[in-house]
Amino acid sequence: MAESGHASPRRVVITGLGVVSSIGMGVDEFRRGLRAGSSGAKPITVFDVAGFDHANGCEVEDFDPERWIRHLAVEQLGRATQYSVAAARMAIEDAGVSIADWRSLPGLISIGTTDGESRDLDHLVEAEITHGPEHMSPELARRVPAGRLSAAIAQELQLSDVEAVTIPTACAAGNYALGYGYDAVRSGDAEYALCGGADAMCRKTFSGFYRLGTIAPDRCRPFDVDRKGILTGEGAGVLVLESLESALARGARIYAEVLGYGLNCDAYHQVAPNQDSVGRCMQLALENAGVKADQVDLISAHGTGTKANDVTEARAIREVFGSRPPRTISMKSMIGHTMGAASALSAIGCALAITEKFIPPTINHTTTDPECDVDCVPNVAIEAELKVVQNNGLAFGGNNAVVLLGRYDGVPA
């Protein structure tokens, strides 16, 4: 990475968004899906679901990787890497930047993931068990390393002066990646950052959540008294970060400003969230951003739809924000739990909410659980002026990451 030549921290803004999701391909379709309260839930087809009593998920449909991947051989990339590269290409194009202009500048690529290329790993294990190790595909084996999720972006976009890192902090990884990119651009170590998360649905992760008893039979209903659990999903979200000075100089559209973030890891339990730790992470983010709790207009919750997560998160929110917290929604009700892409896609939703002046709904909602006691904007989007939005990402192992975004009101750099 280049040495920073900046004496004071720079303001960091989001100027490009790339989306691969079950409710829309690209930022325009994703925005329409969020506004409409669309659902990506459907029967799973990407792996054999024989033996499971129920198997709905939020699969990506109509994804044509060759539309977005132009320099690499698509067949040499695993599905999650294809999503990651495609979303990065979309984000660059949405930002209106000539990638050739950025090739001479130091940059960062940070992509979060839970599973990496576990879909390919599933196939390799199946071949080994069914036919013997000699029948394991070398081509699939070469696609497995998770580092390819970020490295392939650099290769596809022909970026050489970049650090490309894949962050494996499970379901909070997208926010971790955003925080890493924010630090790099803010300090001047990088002139731009491509940050986000990507995961493809796989049998391994579905089976794990199923064995835990946390897979919903039909739909995801966060904060509802009758919620039954998550739906696994897939996709990718990539955001272009650059300094405010750079964005203004090239006349870029600014979706939102990254105000700050908080990270912690309590290692309290392999799968159970810790209320005190979640609350502390939110407080760290507010302090880092220089934002008071009463300035936050909306919280995009982790909101998985499990009994443990929703109650723990809601209680932590009330600890930090008091008895009347901001509206608190869950986009997972629409797109499922996209694992390492989850908080990245939610961050994109938050940026769109700020720019387009609306709050996405929590769909599939009937009656709010009294133990949660939040206004989750049930079923129908509402119009709203939003200045500060908080995006929560909580993961197994106590990995928590919270990012705060703010509206850019034209104040000079």
Protein backbone atom coordinates (compact mmCIF):
# COMPACT_ATOMS: atom_id res chain seq x y z
CA MET A 1 0.00 0.00 0.00
CA ALA A 2 1.13 3.54 -0.65
CA GLU A 3 2.29 5.75 2.19
CA SER A 4 -0.31 8.28 3.24
CA GLY A 5 0.41 11.85 2.27
CA HIS A 6 -2.60 13.27 4.07
CA ALA A 7 -2.13 15.14 7.31
CA SER A 8 -5.75 14.83 8.44
CA PRO A 9 -8.37 12.12 7.94
CA ARG A 10 -10.44 12.38 4.80
CA ARG A 11 -14.20 12.09 4.56
CA VAL A 12 -15.29 8.91 2.81
CA VAL A 13 -18.34 8.60 0.57
CA ILE A 14 -20.15 5.87 -1.34
CA THR A 15 -20.38 6.55 -5.06
CA GLY A 16 -21.16 3.18 -6.64
CA LEU A 17 -23.30 0.16 -5.81
CA GLY A 18 -23.32 -3.33 -7.29
CA VAL A 19 -25.94 -5.94 -6.41
CA VAL A 20 -26.54 -9.61 -7.10
CA SER A 21 -29.62 -10.66 -5.13
CA SER A 22 -32.72 -12.83 -5.18
CA ILE A 23 -34.96 -9.77 -5.59
CA GLY A 24 -33.03 -8.02 -8.31
CA MET A 25 -29.89 -7.82 -10.36
CA GLY A 26 -28.17 -4.45 -10.24
CA VAL A 27 -28.90 -1.43 -8.09
CA ASP A 28 -32.06 -0.31 -9.91
CA GLU A 29 -33.80 -3.69 -9.63
CA PHE A 30 -32.69 -4.03 -6.02
CA ARG A 31 -34.08 -0.60 -5.14
CA ARG A 32 -37.41 -1.46 -6.77
CA GLY A 33 -37.50 -4.77 -4.92
CA LEU A 34 -36.88 -3.09 -1.57
CA ARG A 35 -39.54 -0.46 -2.19
CA ALA A 36 -42.07 -3.10 -3.26
CA GLY A 37 -41.35 -5.42 -0.36
CA SER A 38 -40.46 -8.22 -2.77
CA SER A 39 -39.67 -11.72 -1.57
CA GLY A 40 -36.90 -13.91 -2.94
CA ALA A 41 -38.19 -17.02 -1.15
CA LYS A 42 -38.78 -20.12 -3.26
CA PRO A 43 -38.02 -23.87 -3.19
CA ILE A 44 -34.27 -24.54 -3.28
CA THR A 45 -32.99 -26.00 -6.56
CA VAL A 46 -29.20 -25.50 -6.39
CA PHE A 47 -28.60 -28.66 -4.37
CA ASP A 48 -30.43 -31.89 -3.54
CA VAL A 49 -32.94 -31.27 -0.75
CA ALA A 50 -34.07 -34.87 -0.38
CA GLY A 51 -34.49 -35.78 3.28
CA PHE A 52 -35.31 -32.27 4.51
CA ASP A 53 -38.86 -31.65 5.72
CA HIS A 54 -38.77 -28.13 4.30
CA ALA A 55 -36.29 -26.44 1.99
CA ASN A 56 -37.12 -22.91 0.92
CA GLY A 57 -34.37 -20.40 0.27
CA CYS A 58 -33.60 -17.16 -1.54
CA GLU A 59 -31.76 -18.17 -4.70
CA VAL A 60 -30.41 -15.83 -7.34
CA GLU A 61 -32.17 -16.32 -10.66
CA ASP A 62 -31.36 -15.14 -14.18
CA PHE A 63 -27.70 -14.50 -13.39
CA ASP A 64 -25.60 -14.38 -16.55
CA PRO A 65 -21.98 -14.10 -15.41
CA GLU A 66 -20.69 -13.46 -18.92
CA ARG A 67 -22.59 -10.18 -19.01
CA TRP A 68 -20.30 -8.84 -16.28
CA ILE A 69 -17.15 -10.96 -16.43
CA ARG A 70 -15.26 -10.05 -19.58
CA HIS A 71 -11.59 -10.87 -19.03
CA LEU A 72 -11.57 -14.00 -16.88
CA ALA A 73 -12.75 -17.47 -17.90
CA VAL A 74 -16.12 -17.80 -16.17
CA GLU A 75 -15.84 -21.58 -15.86
CA GLN A 76 -12.69 -21.17 -13.76
CA LEU A 77 -14.56 -19.15 -11.12
CA GLY A 78 -16.77 -20.57 -8.40
CA ARG A 79 -20.28 -19.22 -8.05
CA ALA A 80 -19.54 -16.90 -5.12
CA THR A 81 -16.54 -15.49 -6.99
CA GLN A 82 -18.71 -14.91 -10.04
CA TYR A 83 -21.16 -12.99 -7.87
CA SER A 84 -18.35 -10.98 -6.30
CA VAL A 85 -16.75 -10.03 -9.61
CA ALA A 86 -20.08 -9.20 -11.22
CA ALA A 87 -21.13 -6.96 -8.32
CA ALA A 88 -17.77 -5.17 -8.45
CA ARG A 89 -18.16 -4.52 -12.18
CA MET A 90 -21.70 -3.22 -11.58
CA ALA A 91 -20.48 -0.94 -8.78
CA ILE A 92 -17.70 0.56 -10.91
CA GLU A 93 -20.10 1.21 -13.76
CA ASP A 94 -22.67 2.67 -11.38
CA ALA A 95 -20.00 4.99 -9.98
CA GLY A 96 -19.43 6.37 -13.47
CA VAL A 97 -15.68 6.04 -13.18
CA SER A 98 -13.28 4.93 -15.87
CA ILE A 99 -11.46 2.05 -14.27
CA ALA A 100 -8.46 2.89 -16.46
CA ASP A 101 -8.13 6.16 -14.54
CA TRP A 102 -7.88 4.28 -11.26
CA ARG A 103 -5.35 1.68 -12.37
CA SER A 104 -2.45 3.99 -11.57
CA LEU A 105 -3.81 4.73 -8.07
CA PRO A 106 -3.40 2.67 -4.91
CA GLY A 107 -6.62 0.90 -4.02
CA LEU A 108 -8.18 -1.72 -1.79
CA ILE A 109 -10.50 -4.64 -2.46
CA SER A 110 -12.09 -6.14 0.64
CA ILE A 111 -14.76 -8.82 0.32
CA GLY A 112 -16.42 -10.59 3.23
CA THR A 113 -17.68 -14.16 3.15
CA THR A 114 -19.02 -16.95 5.32
CA ASP A 115 -18.66 -19.93 3.00
CA GLY A 116 -16.21 -18.92 0.29
CA GLU A 117 -16.67 -21.52 -2.42
CA SER A 118 -18.30 -24.17 -0.25
CA ARG A 119 -20.69 -25.06 -3.06
CA ASP A 120 -17.71 -26.43 -4.99
CA LEU A 121 -16.43 -28.05 -1.81
CA ASP A 122 -19.79 -29.81 -1.45
CA HIS A 123 -19.33 -31.33 -4.92
CA LEU A 124 -15.77 -32.39 -4.18
CA VAL A 125 -16.78 -34.16 -0.97
CA GLU A 126 -19.73 -35.82 -2.70
CA ALA A 127 -17.42 -37.14 -5.44
CA GLU A 128 -14.94 -38.42 -2.87
CA ILE A 129 -17.60 -40.24 -0.82
CA THR A 130 -19.52 -41.62 -3.80
CA HIS A 131 -16.74 -42.54 -6.21
CA GLY A 132 -13.42 -42.16 -4.37
CA PRO A 133 -10.83 -39.36 -4.14
CA GLU A 134 -9.46 -40.09 -7.61
CA HIS A 135 -12.73 -38.76 -9.01
CA MET A 136 -12.47 -35.36 -7.32
CA SER A 137 -12.32 -32.63 -9.98
CA PRO A 138 -9.04 -30.67 -10.15
CA GLU A 139 -10.95 -27.80 -11.78
CA LEU A 140 -13.30 -27.53 -8.82
CA ALA A 141 -10.42 -27.81 -6.37
CA ARG A 142 -8.70 -24.85 -8.01
CA ARG A 143 -11.86 -22.77 -7.54
CA VAL A 144 -12.18 -23.38 -3.79
CA PRO A 145 -9.70 -20.91 -2.16
CA ALA A 146 -11.72 -18.06 -0.63
CA GLY A 147 -9.03 -15.52 -1.49
CA ARG A 148 -10.27 -15.66 -5.06
CA LEU A 149 -13.39 -13.68 -4.11
CA SER A 150 -11.26 -10.54 -3.89
CA ALA A 151 -8.28 -11.47 -6.08
CA ALA A 152 -10.51 -12.23 -9.05
CA ILE A 153 -11.92 -8.68 -8.90
CA ALA A 154 -8.39 -7.29 -9.21
CA GLN A 155 -7.69 -9.64 -12.11
CA GLU A 156 -10.96 -8.92 -13.91
CA LEU A 157 -10.57 -5.15 -13.57
CA GLN A 158 -6.82 -5.36 -14.23
CA LEU A 159 -5.90 -3.56 -11.03
CA SER A 160 -2.31 -4.10 -9.92
CA ASP A 161 -1.67 -1.49 -7.21
CA VAL A 162 -4.23 -2.93 -4.82
CA GLU A 163 -4.45 -4.93 -1.66
CA ALA A 164 -7.02 -7.67 -2.20
CA VAL A 165 -8.26 -9.27 1.01
CA THR A 166 -11.08 -11.69 1.77
CA ILE A 167 -12.52 -11.29 5.27
CA PRO A 168 -13.99 -14.47 6.79
CA THR A 169 -15.93 -13.12 9.77
CA ALA A 170 -19.09 -14.99 8.83
CA CYS A 171 -22.35 -13.07 8.74
CA ALA A 172 -20.82 -9.76 9.82
CA ALA A 173 -18.10 -9.92 7.18
CA GLY A 174 -19.63 -7.39 4.80
CA ASN A 175 -19.54 -4.70 7.48
CA TYR A 176 -16.01 -5.71 8.45
CA ALA A 177 -15.01 -5.24 4.81
CA LEU A 178 -16.65 -1.80 4.73
CA GLY A 179 -14.84 -0.74 7.89
CA TYR A 180 -11.53 -1.88 6.41
CA GLY A 181 -12.16 0.10 3.25
CA TYR A 182 -13.27 3.17 5.18
CA ASP A 183 -10.03 3.18 7.18
CA ALA A 184 -7.89 2.78 4.07
CA VAL A 185 -9.52 5.64 2.16
CA ARG A 186 -9.87 7.89 5.20
CA SER A 187 -6.16 7.59 6.01
CA GLY A 188 -5.04 8.05 2.42
CA ASP A 189 -3.53 4.58 2.20
CA ALA A 190 -5.97 3.92 -0.65
CA GLU A 191 -7.55 6.32 -3.13
CA TYR A 192 -10.55 4.05 -3.58
CA ALA A 193 -11.95 0.84 -2.15
CA LEU A 194 -14.25 -1.85 -3.50
CA CYS A 195 -15.89 -3.33 -0.40
CA GLY A 196 -18.67 -5.78 0.28
CA GLY A 197 -19.49 -9.44 0.61
CA ALA A 198 -20.42 -12.51 -1.40
CA ASP A 199 -21.71 -16.01 -0.83
CA ALA A 200 -23.42 -18.73 -2.84
CA MET A 201 -25.95 -21.12 -1.36
CA CYS A 202 -24.55 -24.51 -0.45
CA ARG A 203 -25.80 -27.72 1.11
CA LYS A 204 -23.25 -27.56 3.95
CA THR A 205 -24.52 -24.29 5.41
CA PHE A 206 -28.19 -25.11 4.86
CA SER A 207 -27.71 -28.46 6.60
CA GLY A 208 -25.90 -26.83 9.51
CA PHE A 209 -28.66 -24.31 10.14
CA TYR A 210 -31.27 -27.02 9.64
CA ARG A 211 -29.63 -29.20 12.29
CA LEU A 212 -29.65 -26.23 14.66
CA GLY A 213 -33.42 -25.98 14.14
CA THR A 214 -33.21 -22.47 12.77
CA ILE A 215 -34.47 -22.92 9.18
CA ALA A 216 -37.96 -21.48 8.70
CA PRO A 217 -40.42 -23.81 6.95
CA ASP A 218 -41.59 -21.28 4.37
CA ARG A 219 -40.65 -17.62 4.95
CA CYS A 220 -38.51 -15.39 7.16
CA ARG A 221 -40.51 -13.30 9.66
CA PRO A 222 -38.12 -11.15 11.74
CA PHE A 223 -39.49 -9.69 14.99
CA ASP A 224 -42.84 -11.47 14.50
CA VAL A 225 -44.26 -13.37 17.44
CA ASP A 226 -44.65 -16.46 15.21
CA ARG A 227 -41.23 -16.34 13.56
CA LYS A 228 -39.63 -19.73 12.91
CA GLY A 229 -36.10 -18.92 11.77
CA ILE A 230 -33.99 -17.97 8.79
CA LEU A 231 -34.05 -18.72 5.10
CA THR A 232 -30.61 -19.16 3.61
CA GLY A 233 -29.90 -16.88 0.68
CA GLU A 234 -27.11 -15.90 -1.67
CA GLY A 235 -25.73 -13.01 -3.64
CA ALA A 236 -23.20 -10.21 -3.46
CA GLY A 237 -23.06 -6.54 -2.66
CA VAL A 238 -20.09 -4.31 -3.52
CA LEU A 239 -19.77 -0.60 -2.73
CA VAL A 240 -17.34 1.92 -4.22
CA LEU A 241 -15.72 4.07 -1.53
CA GLU A 242 -13.63 7.13 -2.29
CA SER A 243 -12.75 10.39 -0.61
CA LEU A 244 -15.25 13.22 -0.72
CA GLU A 245 -12.60 15.34 -2.39
CA SER A 246 -12.23 12.78 -5.20
CA ALA A 247 -15.99 12.39 -5.65
CA LEU A 248 -16.55 16.15 -5.89
CA ALA A 249 -13.64 16.59 -8.29
CA ARG A 250 -15.14 14.16 -10.79
CA GLY A 251 -18.74 15.23 -10.23
CA ALA A 252 -19.78 11.85 -8.90
CA ARG A 253 -23.22 11.03 -7.50
CA ILE A 254 -22.89 10.51 -3.75
CA TYR A 255 -25.24 7.96 -2.21
CA ALA A 256 -24.12 8.46 1.39
CA GLU A 257 -21.16 9.24 3.59
CA VAL A 258 -19.53 6.57 5.73
CA LEU A 259 -19.51 8.13 9.19
CA GLY A 260 -17.79 5.37 11.15
CA TYR A 261 -18.04 1.83 12.42
CA GLY A 262 -17.55 -0.40 15.45
CA LEU A 263 -16.20 -3.94 15.77
CA ASN A 264 -15.92 -6.39 18.61
CA CYS A 265 -15.71 -10.12 19.23
CA ASP A 266 -16.92 -11.50 22.54
CA ALA A 267 -16.32 -15.21 21.77
CA TYR A 268 -19.21 -15.79 24.20
CA HIS A 269 -20.74 -18.75 22.38
CA GLN A 270 -20.38 -20.52 19.05
CA VAL A 271 -23.86 -19.55 17.88
CA ALA A 272 -25.68 -17.54 20.58
CA PRO A 273 -25.46 -13.71 20.53
CA ASN A 274 -24.43 -11.79 23.65
CA GLN A 275 -26.63 -8.80 24.45
CA ASP A 276 -23.99 -6.76 26.26
CA SER A 277 -21.49 -7.27 23.46
CA VAL A 278 -23.98 -6.34 20.74
CA GLY A 279 -24.88 -3.18 22.63
CA ARG A 280 -21.24 -2.32 23.15
CA CYS A 281 -20.53 -2.70 19.43
CA MET A 282 -23.31 -0.27 18.58
CA GLN A 283 -21.93 2.18 21.14
CA LEU A 284 -18.45 1.84 19.64
CA ALA A 285 -19.84 2.66 16.20
CA LEU A 286 -21.65 5.74 17.48
CA GLU A 287 -18.50 6.96 19.23
CA ASN A 288 -16.34 6.31 16.18
CA ALA A 289 -18.78 8.20 13.96
CA GLY A 290 -19.25 11.07 16.40
CA VAL A 291 -23.00 10.47 16.34
CA LYS A 292 -25.38 10.63 19.30
CA ALA A 293 -27.99 7.91 19.69
CA ASP A 294 -30.86 10.35 19.20
CA GLN A 295 -29.45 11.36 15.80
CA VAL A 296 -29.98 7.89 14.29
CA ASP A 297 -33.14 7.79 12.15
CA LEU A 298 -33.18 4.12 11.15
CA ILE A 299 -31.55 0.83 12.13
CA SER A 300 -31.12 -1.92 9.58
CA ALA A 301 -31.00 -4.83 12.00
CA HIS A 302 -29.21 -8.11 11.60
CA GLY A 303 -32.76 -9.41 12.08
CA THR A 304 -32.40 -13.06 11.17
CA GLY A 305 -35.87 -14.17 12.28
CA THR A 306 -34.63 -16.57 14.95
CA LYS A 307 -35.96 -16.38 18.50
CA ALA A 308 -32.53 -15.79 20.03
CA ASN A 309 -31.22 -13.18 17.59
CA ASP A 310 -34.26 -10.96 17.37
CA VAL A 311 -34.89 -10.69 21.11
CA THR A 312 -31.20 -10.22 21.94
CA GLU A 313 -30.69 -7.59 19.25
CA ALA A 314 -33.86 -5.70 20.14
CA ARG A 315 -32.92 -5.61 23.82
CA ALA A 316 -29.43 -4.38 22.97
CA ILE A 317 -30.93 -1.66 20.78
CA ARG A 318 -33.13 -0.48 23.63
CA GLU A 319 -30.11 -0.47 25.95
CA VAL A 320 -28.33 1.93 23.61
CA PHE A 321 -31.25 3.97 22.25
CA GLY A 322 -33.70 3.93 25.14
CA SER A 323 -37.34 2.95 25.30
CA ARG A 324 -38.21 4.61 21.96
CA PRO A 325 -35.53 3.43 19.53
CA PRO A 326 -35.44 4.35 15.84
CA ARG A 327 -37.47 2.30 13.39
CA THR A 328 -35.72 -1.07 13.13
CA ILE A 329 -36.14 -3.16 9.98
CA SER A 330 -34.83 -6.43 8.59
CA MET A 331 -34.06 -6.76 4.88
CA LYS A 332 -33.54 -10.50 5.47
CA SER A 333 -37.31 -10.82 5.40
CA MET A 334 -37.00 -10.15 1.65
CA ILE A 335 -33.62 -11.55 0.57
CA GLY A 336 -33.01 -14.21 3.21
CA HIS A 337 -29.77 -14.57 5.10
CA THR A 338 -27.08 -14.09 2.46
CA MET A 339 -24.30 -14.92 4.95
CA GLY A 340 -21.14 -12.92 4.17
CA ALA A 341 -23.08 -10.72 1.75
CA ALA A 342 -25.76 -9.88 4.32
CA SER A 343 -24.47 -6.67 5.87
CA ALA A 344 -23.03 -5.51 2.53
CA LEU A 345 -26.42 -5.82 0.84
CA SER A 346 -28.02 -4.15 3.86
CA ALA A 347 -25.50 -1.31 3.63
CA ILE A 348 -26.50 -0.84 0.00
CA GLY A 349 -30.14 -0.81 1.09
CA CYS A 350 -29.29 1.81 3.72
CA ALA A 351 -27.52 4.01 1.17
CA LEU A 352 -30.52 3.75 -1.16
CA ALA A 353 -32.91 4.54 1.69
CA ILE A 354 -30.98 7.73 2.42
CA THR A 355 -30.78 8.80 -1.22
CA GLU A 356 -34.29 7.80 -2.25
CA LYS A 357 -35.94 8.90 1.02
CA PHE A 358 -37.75 5.73 1.96
CA ILE A 359 -37.61 2.95 4.56
CA PRO A 360 -37.74 -0.62 3.24
CA PRO A 361 -40.29 -2.79 5.02
CA THR A 362 -39.96 -5.92 7.11
CA ILE A 363 -42.26 -8.22 5.16
CA ASN A 364 -44.18 -11.34 6.22
CA HIS A 365 -45.13 -9.53 9.42
CA THR A 366 -48.33 -10.06 11.37
CA THR A 367 -47.79 -9.34 15.07
CA THR A 368 -44.65 -7.94 16.68
CA ASP A 369 -43.21 -10.06 19.48
CA PRO A 370 -43.62 -8.04 22.71
CA GLU A 371 -40.10 -9.12 23.68
CA CYS A 372 -38.78 -7.34 20.59
CA ASP A 373 -40.94 -4.20 20.81
CA VAL A 374 -39.63 -2.31 17.77
CA ASP A 375 -41.33 -0.52 14.90
CA CYS A 376 -40.17 -2.81 12.12
CA VAL A 377 -42.12 -0.98 9.36
CA PRO A 378 -44.31 -3.99 8.65
CA ASN A 379 -44.97 -5.11 5.08
CA VAL A 380 -45.11 -1.73 3.29
CA ALA A 381 -42.28 0.75 2.64
CA ILE A 382 -42.75 4.27 3.92
CA GLU A 383 -41.38 7.62 2.78
CA ALA A 384 -38.90 9.19 5.18
CA GLU A 385 -36.17 11.82 5.38
CA LEU A 386 -33.13 9.99 6.73
CA LYS A 387 -29.95 11.70 7.85
CA VAL A 388 -28.20 8.89 9.75
CA VAL A 389 -28.75 5.15 9.33
CA GLN A 390 -27.17 2.34 11.33
CA ASN A 391 -26.42 -1.05 9.77
CA ASN A 392 -25.96 -4.01 12.14
CA GLY A 393 -24.03 -7.18 11.34
CA LEU A 394 -23.84 -9.95 13.94
CA ALA A 395 -22.11 -13.28 13.43
CA PHE A 396 -21.49 -16.64 15.04
CA GLY A 397 -18.59 -16.65 17.45
CA GLY A 398 -19.57 -13.20 18.71
CA ASN A 399 -18.19 -11.32 15.70
CA ASN A 400 -20.13 -8.04 15.63
CA ALA A 401 -19.78 -5.15 13.18
CA VAL A 402 -21.88 -2.00 12.98
CA VAL A 403 -21.55 0.71 10.29
CA LEU A 404 -23.09 4.18 10.32
CA LEU A 405 -23.99 5.99 7.10
CA GLY A 406 -25.08 9.59 6.76
CA ARG A 407 -26.72 11.79 4.14
CA TYR A 408 -24.33 14.05 2.29
CA ASP A 409 -25.82 17.54 2.29
CA GLY A 410 -23.30 19.27 0.05
CA VAL A 411 -20.93 20.43 2.76
CA PRO A 412 -17.52 20.88 1.08
CA ALA A 413 -14.62 18.55 1.75
